[in-house]
C-alpha atoms as a PDB file:
ATOM      1  CA  MET A   1      24.582  -6.852 -16.336  1.00  0.00           C
ATOM      2  CA  LEU A   2      25.212  -9.820 -18.553  1.00  0.00           C
ATOM      3  CA  LYS A   3      25.057 -13.488 -17.681  1.00  0.00           C
ATOM      4  CA  GLY A   4      28.396 -15.246 -17.455  1.00  0.00           C
ATOM      5  CA  LEU A   5      30.482 -12.065 -17.296  1.00  0.00           C
ATOM      6  CA  ASP A   6      32.235 -10.827 -14.185  1.00  0.00           C
ATOM      7  CA  PRO A   7      30.423  -7.592 -13.215  1.00  0.00           C
ATOM      8  CA  ARG A   8      33.793  -5.971 -12.448  1.00  0.00           C
ATOM      9  CA  LEU A   9      34.469  -5.874 -16.206  1.00  0.00           C
ATOM     10  CA  ASN A  10      33.125  -2.626 -17.635  1.00  0.00           C
ATOM     11  CA  ALA A  11      32.167  -2.080 -21.274  1.00  0.00           C
ATOM     12  CA  GLU A  12      35.370  -0.239 -22.209  1.00  0.00           C
ATOM     13  CA  VAL A  13      37.597  -2.947 -20.750  1.00  0.00           C
ATOM     14  CA  LEU A  14      35.585  -5.698 -22.456  1.00  0.00           C
ATOM     15  CA  PHE A  15      35.846  -3.860 -25.780  1.00  0.00           C
ATOM     16  CA  ALA A  16      39.642  -3.619 -25.504  1.00  0.00           C
ATOM     17  CA  LEU A  17      40.062  -7.232 -24.380  1.00  0.00           C
ATOM     18  CA  ARG A  18      37.932  -8.421 -27.293  1.00  0.00           C
ATOM     19  CA  ALA A  19      39.841  -6.265 -29.790  1.00  0.00           C
ATOM     20  CA  MET A  20      43.251  -7.559 -28.696  1.00  0.00           C
ATOM     21  CA  GLY A  21      44.887 -10.243 -30.807  1.00  0.00           C
ATOM     22  CA  HIS A  22      47.210 -13.149 -30.032  1.00  0.00           C
ATOM     23  CA  GLY A  23      50.434 -11.866 -28.520  1.00  0.00           C
ATOM     24  CA  ASP A  24      49.160  -8.391 -27.661  1.00  0.00           C
ATOM     25  CA  LEU A  25      50.173  -7.061 -24.233  1.00  0.00           C
ATOM     26  CA  LEU A  26      47.814  -5.731 -21.592  1.00  0.00           C
ATOM     27  CA  VAL A  27      49.127  -3.656 -18.686  1.00  0.00           C
ATOM     28  CA  ILE A  28      47.388  -3.754 -15.317  1.00  0.00           C
ATOM     29  CA  ALA A  29      48.674  -0.794 -13.338  1.00  0.00           C
ATOM     30  CA  ASP A  30      48.513   0.430  -9.762  1.00  0.00           C
ATOM     31  CA  THR A  31      47.498   3.969  -8.815  1.00  0.00           C
ATOM     32  CA  ASN A  32      51.089   5.250  -8.774  1.00  0.00           C
ATOM     33  CA  PHE A  33      51.943   4.101 -12.313  1.00  0.00           C
ATOM     34  CA  PRO A  34      52.088   6.905 -14.943  1.00  0.00           C
ATOM     35  CA  ALA A  35      49.108   5.221 -16.577  1.00  0.00           C
ATOM     36  CA  ASP A  36      47.570   8.117 -18.488  1.00  0.00           C
ATOM     37  CA  SER A  37      50.761   9.284 -20.192  1.00  0.00           C
ATOM     38  CA  ILE A  38      51.835   5.744 -21.056  1.00  0.00           C
ATOM     39  CA  ALA A  39      48.349   4.741 -22.219  1.00  0.00           C
ATOM     40  CA  ARG A  40      48.450   7.562 -24.781  1.00  0.00           C
ATOM     41  CA  GLU A  41      51.382   5.772 -26.468  1.00  0.00           C
ATOM     42  CA  THR A  42      49.680   2.357 -26.639  1.00  0.00           C
ATOM     43  CA  VAL A  43      47.728   0.892 -29.542  1.00  0.00           C
ATOM     44  CA  TYR A  44      44.415   1.619 -27.798  1.00  0.00           C
ATOM     45  CA  GLY A  45      45.539   5.150 -26.977  1.00  0.00           C
ATOM     46  CA  ASP A  46      43.244   5.834 -24.018  1.00  0.00           C
ATOM     47  CA  LEU A  47      43.510   4.878 -20.373  1.00  0.00           C
ATOM     48  CA  LEU A  48      41.075   2.216 -19.189  1.00  0.00           C
ATOM     49  CA  ARG A  49      40.046   2.090 -15.551  1.00  0.00           C
ATOM     50  CA  MET A  50      38.949  -0.525 -13.056  1.00  0.00           C
ATOM     51  CA  ASP A  51      38.675   1.766 -10.054  1.00  0.00           C
ATOM     52  CA  ASN A  52      38.091   0.495  -6.529  1.00  0.00           C
ATOM     53  CA  LEU A  53      39.646  -2.893  -7.327  1.00  0.00           C
ATOM     54  CA  THR A  54      42.920  -4.311  -6.150  1.00  0.00           C
ATOM     55  CA  ALA A  55      45.320  -5.594  -8.785  1.00  0.00           C
ATOM     56  CA  ALA A  56      44.360  -9.166  -7.905  1.00  0.00           C
ATOM     57  CA  GLU A  57      40.627  -8.445  -8.179  1.00  0.00           C
ATOM     58  CA  ALA A  58      41.159  -6.833 -11.585  1.00  0.00           C
ATOM     59  CA  ALA A  59      43.388  -9.713 -12.718  1.00  0.00           C
ATOM     60  CA  GLU A  60      40.825 -12.273 -11.594  1.00  0.00           C
ATOM     61  CA  ALA A  61      38.060 -10.526 -13.552  1.00  0.00           C
ATOM     62  CA  ILE A  62      40.238 -10.061 -16.652  1.00  0.00           C
ATOM     63  CA  LEU A  63      41.441 -13.655 -16.599  1.00  0.00           C
ATOM     64  CA  SER A  64      37.834 -14.850 -16.513  1.00  0.00           C
ATOM     65  CA  VAL A  65      37.662 -13.873 -20.205  1.00  0.00           C
ATOM     66  CA  LEU A  66      41.272 -13.390 -21.395  1.00  0.00           C
ATOM     67  CA  PRO A  67      43.334 -16.458 -22.333  1.00  0.00           C
ATOM     68  CA  LEU A  68      47.037 -16.192 -21.542  1.00  0.00           C
ATOM     69  CA  ASP A  69      49.581 -17.046 -24.218  1.00  0.00           C
ATOM     70  CA  THR A  70      50.926 -20.601 -24.015  1.00  0.00           C
ATOM     71  CA  PHE A  71      53.663 -20.174 -26.638  1.00  0.00           C
ATOM     72  CA  VAL A  72      55.994 -17.823 -24.722  1.00  0.00           C
ATOM     73  CA  ASP A  73      57.668 -17.576 -21.331  1.00  0.00           C
ATOM     74  CA  ASP A  74      56.595 -13.955 -20.830  1.00  0.00           C
ATOM     75  CA  PHE A  75      52.829 -14.646 -20.897  1.00  0.00           C
ATOM     76  CA  ALA A  76      52.637 -12.687 -17.633  1.00  0.00           C
ATOM     77  CA  GLY A  77      55.102 -10.308 -16.029  1.00  0.00           C
ATOM     78  CA  ARG A  78      55.449  -8.320 -12.843  1.00  0.00           C
ATOM     79  CA  MET A  79      57.367  -5.127 -12.180  1.00  0.00           C
ATOM     80  CA  GLU A  80      60.469  -6.028 -10.182  1.00  0.00           C
ATOM     81  CA  ILE A  81      61.201  -4.214  -6.941  1.00  0.00           C
ATOM     82  CA  VAL A  82      64.129  -1.828  -7.359  1.00  0.00           C
ATOM     83  CA  ASP A  83      67.279  -3.338  -5.769  1.00  0.00           C
ATOM     84  CA  SER A  84      65.349  -6.505  -4.832  1.00  0.00           C
ATOM     85  CA  PRO A  85      64.248  -8.116  -8.118  1.00  0.00           C
ATOM     86  CA  ASN A  86      63.533 -11.557  -6.665  1.00  0.00           C
ATOM     87  CA  GLU A  87      61.326 -10.328  -3.818  1.00  0.00           C
ATOM     88  CA  ILE A  88      57.626 -11.087  -4.281  1.00  0.00           C
ATOM     89  CA  PRO A  89      55.464  -8.679  -2.247  1.00  0.00           C
ATOM     90  CA  PRO A  90      51.922  -9.673  -1.225  1.00  0.00           C
ATOM     91  CA  VAL A  91      50.288  -7.771  -4.109  1.00  0.00           C
ATOM     92  CA  GLN A  92      52.308  -9.832  -6.592  1.00  0.00           C
ATOM     93  CA  ALA A  93      51.655 -13.091  -4.752  1.00  0.00           C
ATOM     94  CA  GLU A  94      47.912 -12.367  -4.952  1.00  0.00           C
ATOM     95  CA  VAL A  95      48.050 -11.782  -8.713  1.00  0.00           C
ATOM     96  CA  GLN A  96      50.161 -14.924  -9.112  1.00  0.00           C
ATOM     97  CA  ALA A  97      47.447 -16.862  -7.269  1.00  0.00           C
ATOM     98  CA  ALA A  98      44.812 -15.417  -9.646  1.00  0.00           C
ATOM     99  CA  ILE A  99      46.899 -16.536 -12.636  1.00  0.00           C
ATOM    100  CA  ASP A 100      47.401 -20.026 -11.222  1.00  0.00           C
ATOM    101  CA  THR A 101      43.669 -20.370 -10.514  1.00  0.00           C
ATOM    102  CA  ALA A 102      42.691 -19.179 -13.995  1.00  0.00           C
ATOM    103  CA  GLU A 103      45.244 -21.460 -15.641  1.00  0.00           C
ATOM    104  CA  GLY A 104      44.492 -24.450 -13.419  1.00  0.00           C
ATOM    105  CA  ARG A 105      48.192 -24.891 -12.663  1.00  0.00           C
ATOM    106  CA  SER A 106      51.254 -22.989 -11.519  1.00  0.00           C
ATOM    107  CA  ARG A 107      52.529 -20.590 -14.197  1.00  0.00           C
ATOM    108  CA  PRO A 108      55.030 -18.178 -12.610  1.00  0.00           C
ATOM    109  CA  MET A 109      55.254 -14.625 -13.916  1.00  0.00           C
ATOM    110  CA  VAL A 110      58.556 -13.287 -15.201  1.00  0.00           C
ATOM    111  CA  GLY A 111      60.159 -10.308 -13.499  1.00  0.00           C
ATOM    112  CA  ILE A 112      60.580  -7.118 -15.534  1.00  0.00           C
ATOM    113  CA  GLU A 113      62.971  -4.360 -14.410  1.00  0.00           C
ATOM    114  CA  ARG A 114      61.097  -1.128 -13.617  1.00  0.00           C
ATOM    115  CA  PHE A 115      62.302   1.036 -16.516  1.00  0.00           C
ATOM    116  CA  ASP A 116      62.063  -1.872 -18.960  1.00  0.00           C
ATOM    117  CA  PHE A 117      58.472  -2.319 -17.747  1.00  0.00           C
ATOM    118  CA  TYR A 118      57.718   1.328 -18.618  1.00  0.00           C
ATOM    119  CA  ASP A 119      59.243   0.900 -22.096  1.00  0.00           C
ATOM    120  CA  ARG A 120      57.289  -2.290 -22.775  1.00  0.00           C
ATOM    121  CA  ALA A 121      54.097  -0.692 -21.476  1.00  0.00           C
ATOM    122  CA  LYS A 122      54.343   2.020 -24.133  1.00  0.00           C
ATOM    123  CA  ARG A 123      54.263  -0.721 -26.792  1.00  0.00           C
ATOM    124  CA  ALA A 124      51.336  -2.556 -25.165  1.00  0.00           C
ATOM    125  CA  TYR A 125      47.855  -2.778 -26.616  1.00  0.00           C
ATOM    126  CA  ALA A 126      46.222  -1.086 -23.618  1.00  0.00           C
ATOM    127  CA  VAL A 127      46.697   0.038 -20.026  1.00  0.00           C
ATOM    128  CA  ILE A 128      44.137  -0.557 -17.293  1.00  0.00           C
ATOM    129  CA  GLN A 129      44.634   1.403 -14.081  1.00  0.00           C
ATOM    130  CA  THR A 130      43.213  -0.189 -10.950  1.00  0.00           C
ATOM    131  CA  GLY A 131      42.597   1.200  -7.485  1.00  0.00           C
ATOM    132  CA  GLU A 132      45.625  -0.752  -6.175  1.00  0.00           C
ATOM    133  CA  ARG A 133      47.580   1.451  -3.743  1.00  0.00           C
ATOM    134  CA  ARG A 134      50.293  -1.008  -2.767  1.00  0.00           C
ATOM    135  CA  PHE A 135      53.646  -0.448  -4.457  1.00  0.00           C
ATOM    136  CA  TYR A 136      54.673  -2.699  -7.367  1.00  0.00           C
ATOM    137  CA  GLY A 137      51.117  -3.632  -8.254  1.00  0.00           C
ATOM    138  CA  CYS A 138      51.936  -3.464 -11.971  1.00  0.00           C
ATOM    139  CA  PHE A 139      51.604  -6.417 -14.338  1.00  0.00           C
ATOM    140  CA  MET A 140      51.563  -7.394 -18.009  1.00  0.00           C
ATOM    141  CA  PHE A 141      49.499 -10.143 -19.570  1.00  0.00           C
ATOM    142  CA  ARG A 142      50.081 -11.446 -23.117  1.00  0.00           C
ATOM    143  CA  LYS A 143      46.876 -12.553 -24.823  1.00  0.00           C
ATOM    144  CA  GLY A 144      46.712 -16.154 -25.970  1.00  0.00           C
ATOM    145  CA  VAL A 145      44.279 -18.012 -28.182  1.00  0.00           C
ATOM    146  CA  ILE A 146      41.036 -19.892 -27.736  1.00  0.00           C
ATOM    147  CA  PRO A 147      41.156 -23.205 -29.614  1.00  0.00           C
ATOM    148  CA  PRO A 148      38.365 -24.242 -31.953  1.00  0.00           C
ATOM    149  CA  ALA A 149      35.491 -26.224 -30.493  1.00  0.00           C
ATOM    150  CA  SER A 150      35.963 -29.950 -31.073  1.00  0.00           C
END
């Protein structure tokens, strides 16, 4: 245990988050996502896990240390529901609430079509699979910057 760090963040996840640079993508995946095969194609190359956490719990922990990009509209994305791209299921509403809390304001995620999400995920820095069992619990976060101390 370390002071000031969310205990849900394990050493492997912290290592990957620290290694990411500005603009790199992080995928947070549910249990049904083909996480292992896609993770092998990412920069990191290995699947990271945050088992026994919902997508929102994982997002909350990650966002306690990861700044989101402020220069782009796609700082955070959600996998769209097939044939209902504008529908926001509870799992996505919960992650949106975690984003808004971390950012201190409303910053809506962009929707990403399912197969486009898979393609983008292969070009991500890393994939973290959670214990989320609800459908469409898949998200992307784009790492931002931490400004210099004044």
